[in-house]
């Protein structure tokens, strides 16, 4: 639900999501230029279909953009 260059920004989003009951976590990812990104992830869904549905519900409820990615993908 977010990607930041500064960990403090990612931690802020994790905290705001936690207050709303989401189990968010930070996953550190390097892009193809070697830059470090701190991505904020929620959920762990067994199928693409369940991830798509949860992303739709989250976007409607929280008015935040979502991206569905495999665990270590940017």
C-alpha atoms as a PDB file:
ATOM      1  CA  UNK A   1       0.000   0.000   0.000  1.00  0.00           C
ATOM      2  CA  UNK A   2       3.038   2.265  -0.057  1.00  0.00           C
ATOM      3  CA  UNK A   3       6.660   2.585  -1.137  1.00  0.00           C
ATOM      4  CA  UNK A   4       9.044   5.065   0.400  1.00  0.00           C
ATOM      5  CA  UNK A   5      12.722   5.930   0.202  1.00  0.00           C
ATOM      6  CA  UNK A   6      12.799   6.898   3.895  1.00  0.00           C
ATOM      7  CA  UNK A   7      11.975   4.253   6.486  1.00  0.00           C
ATOM      8  CA  UNK A   8      10.416   6.864   8.767  1.00  0.00           C
ATOM      9  CA  UNK A   9       7.692   7.474   6.166  1.00  0.00           C
ATOM     10  CA  UNK A  10       6.999   3.749   5.860  1.00  0.00           C
ATOM     11  CA  UNK A  11       6.886   3.390   9.648  1.00  0.00           C
ATOM     12  CA  UNK A  12       4.412   6.264   9.853  1.00  0.00           C
ATOM     13  CA  UNK A  13       2.061   4.520   7.429  1.00  0.00           C
ATOM     14  CA  UNK A  14       2.426   1.214   9.292  1.00  0.00           C
ATOM     15  CA  UNK A  15       1.454   2.998  12.503  1.00  0.00           C
ATOM     16  CA  UNK A  16      -1.587   4.663  10.945  1.00  0.00           C
ATOM     17  CA  UNK A  17      -2.734   1.349   9.489  1.00  0.00           C
ATOM     18  CA  UNK A  18      -2.200  -0.434  12.813  1.00  0.00           C
ATOM     19  CA  UNK A  19      -4.519   2.068  14.496  1.00  0.00           C
ATOM     20  CA  UNK A  20      -7.167   0.997  11.996  1.00  0.00           C
ATOM     21  CA  UNK A  21      -6.616  -2.695  12.743  1.00  0.00           C
ATOM     22  CA  UNK A  22      -4.415  -3.676   9.799  1.00  0.00           C
ATOM     23  CA  UNK A  23      -1.402  -5.909  10.247  1.00  0.00           C
ATOM     24  CA  UNK A  24       1.029  -3.939   8.105  1.00  0.00           C
ATOM     25  CA  UNK A  25       4.736  -4.603   7.724  1.00  0.00           C
ATOM     26  CA  UNK A  26       7.734  -3.043   6.036  1.00  0.00           C
ATOM     27  CA  UNK A  27       9.530  -5.013   3.329  1.00  0.00           C
ATOM     28  CA  UNK A  28      12.844  -3.610   2.121  1.00  0.00           C
ATOM     29  CA  UNK A  29      13.298  -3.962  -1.648  1.00  0.00           C
ATOM     30  CA  UNK A  30      16.038  -2.868  -4.050  1.00  0.00           C
ATOM     31  CA  UNK A  31      15.010  -1.576  -7.456  1.00  0.00           C
ATOM     32  CA  UNK A  32      16.865  -2.164 -10.729  1.00  0.00           C
ATOM     33  CA  UNK A  33      18.994   0.941 -10.076  1.00  0.00           C
ATOM     34  CA  UNK A  34      20.144  -0.374  -6.696  1.00  0.00           C
ATOM     35  CA  UNK A  35      18.037   2.064  -4.682  1.00  0.00           C
ATOM     36  CA  UNK A  36      16.475   0.840  -1.436  1.00  0.00           C
ATOM     37  CA  UNK A  37      12.726   1.195  -1.049  1.00  0.00           C
ATOM     38  CA  UNK A  38      10.732   0.548   2.106  1.00  0.00           C
ATOM     39  CA  UNK A  39       7.438  -0.927   0.973  1.00  0.00           C
ATOM     40  CA  UNK A  40       4.427  -1.203   3.248  1.00  0.00           C
ATOM     41  CA  UNK A  41       2.523  -4.432   2.788  1.00  0.00           C
ATOM     42  CA  UNK A  42      -0.702  -5.798   4.210  1.00  0.00           C
ATOM     43  CA  UNK A  43      -2.152  -9.243   3.865  1.00  0.00           C
ATOM     44  CA  UNK A  44      -0.944 -12.602   2.699  1.00  0.00           C
ATOM     45  CA  UNK A  45      -3.412 -14.088   0.279  1.00  0.00           C
ATOM     46  CA  UNK A  46      -3.352 -17.638  -1.059  1.00  0.00           C
ATOM     47  CA  UNK A  47      -4.683 -16.736  -4.507  1.00  0.00           C
ATOM     48  CA  UNK A  48      -4.499 -13.815  -6.876  1.00  0.00           C
ATOM     49  CA  UNK A  49      -8.292 -13.601  -6.830  1.00  0.00           C
ATOM     50  CA  UNK A  50      -8.422 -13.186  -3.041  1.00  0.00           C
ATOM     51  CA  UNK A  51      -5.688 -10.530  -3.192  1.00  0.00           C
ATOM     52  CA  UNK A  52      -7.571  -8.615  -5.895  1.00  0.00           C
ATOM     53  CA  UNK A  53     -10.773  -8.689  -3.855  1.00  0.00           C
ATOM     54  CA  UNK A  54      -9.044  -7.511  -0.676  1.00  0.00           C
ATOM     55  CA  UNK A  55      -7.285  -4.741  -2.619  1.00  0.00           C
ATOM     56  CA  UNK A  56     -10.654  -3.563  -3.930  1.00  0.00           C
ATOM     57  CA  UNK A  57     -12.175  -3.509  -0.445  1.00  0.00           C
ATOM     58  CA  UNK A  58      -9.138  -1.756   1.056  1.00  0.00           C
ATOM     59  CA  UNK A  59      -9.098   0.901  -1.676  1.00  0.00           C
ATOM     60  CA  UNK A  60     -12.791   1.648  -1.181  1.00  0.00           C
ATOM     61  CA  UNK A  61     -12.547   1.763   2.606  1.00  0.00           C
ATOM     62  CA  UNK A  62      -9.257   3.637   3.022  1.00  0.00           C
ATOM     63  CA  UNK A  63      -9.118   5.647  -0.212  1.00  0.00           C
ATOM     64  CA  UNK A  64      -5.507   4.555  -0.802  1.00  0.00           C
ATOM     65  CA  UNK A  65      -3.997   3.112  -3.950  1.00  0.00           C
ATOM     66  CA  UNK A  66      -3.110  -0.551  -3.858  1.00  0.00           C
ATOM     67  CA  UNK A  67      -0.726  -2.713  -5.809  1.00  0.00           C
ATOM     68  CA  UNK A  68      -0.694  -6.476  -5.789  1.00  0.00           C
ATOM     69  CA  UNK A  69       2.821  -7.849  -5.773  1.00  0.00           C
ATOM     70  CA  UNK A  70       4.545 -11.093  -4.893  1.00  0.00           C
ATOM     71  CA  UNK A  71       6.352 -10.856  -1.564  1.00  0.00           C
ATOM     72  CA  UNK A  72       9.824  -9.853  -2.821  1.00  0.00           C
ATOM     73  CA  UNK A  73       8.707  -7.908  -5.898  1.00  0.00           C
ATOM     74  CA  UNK A  74       8.732  -4.129  -6.155  1.00  0.00           C
END
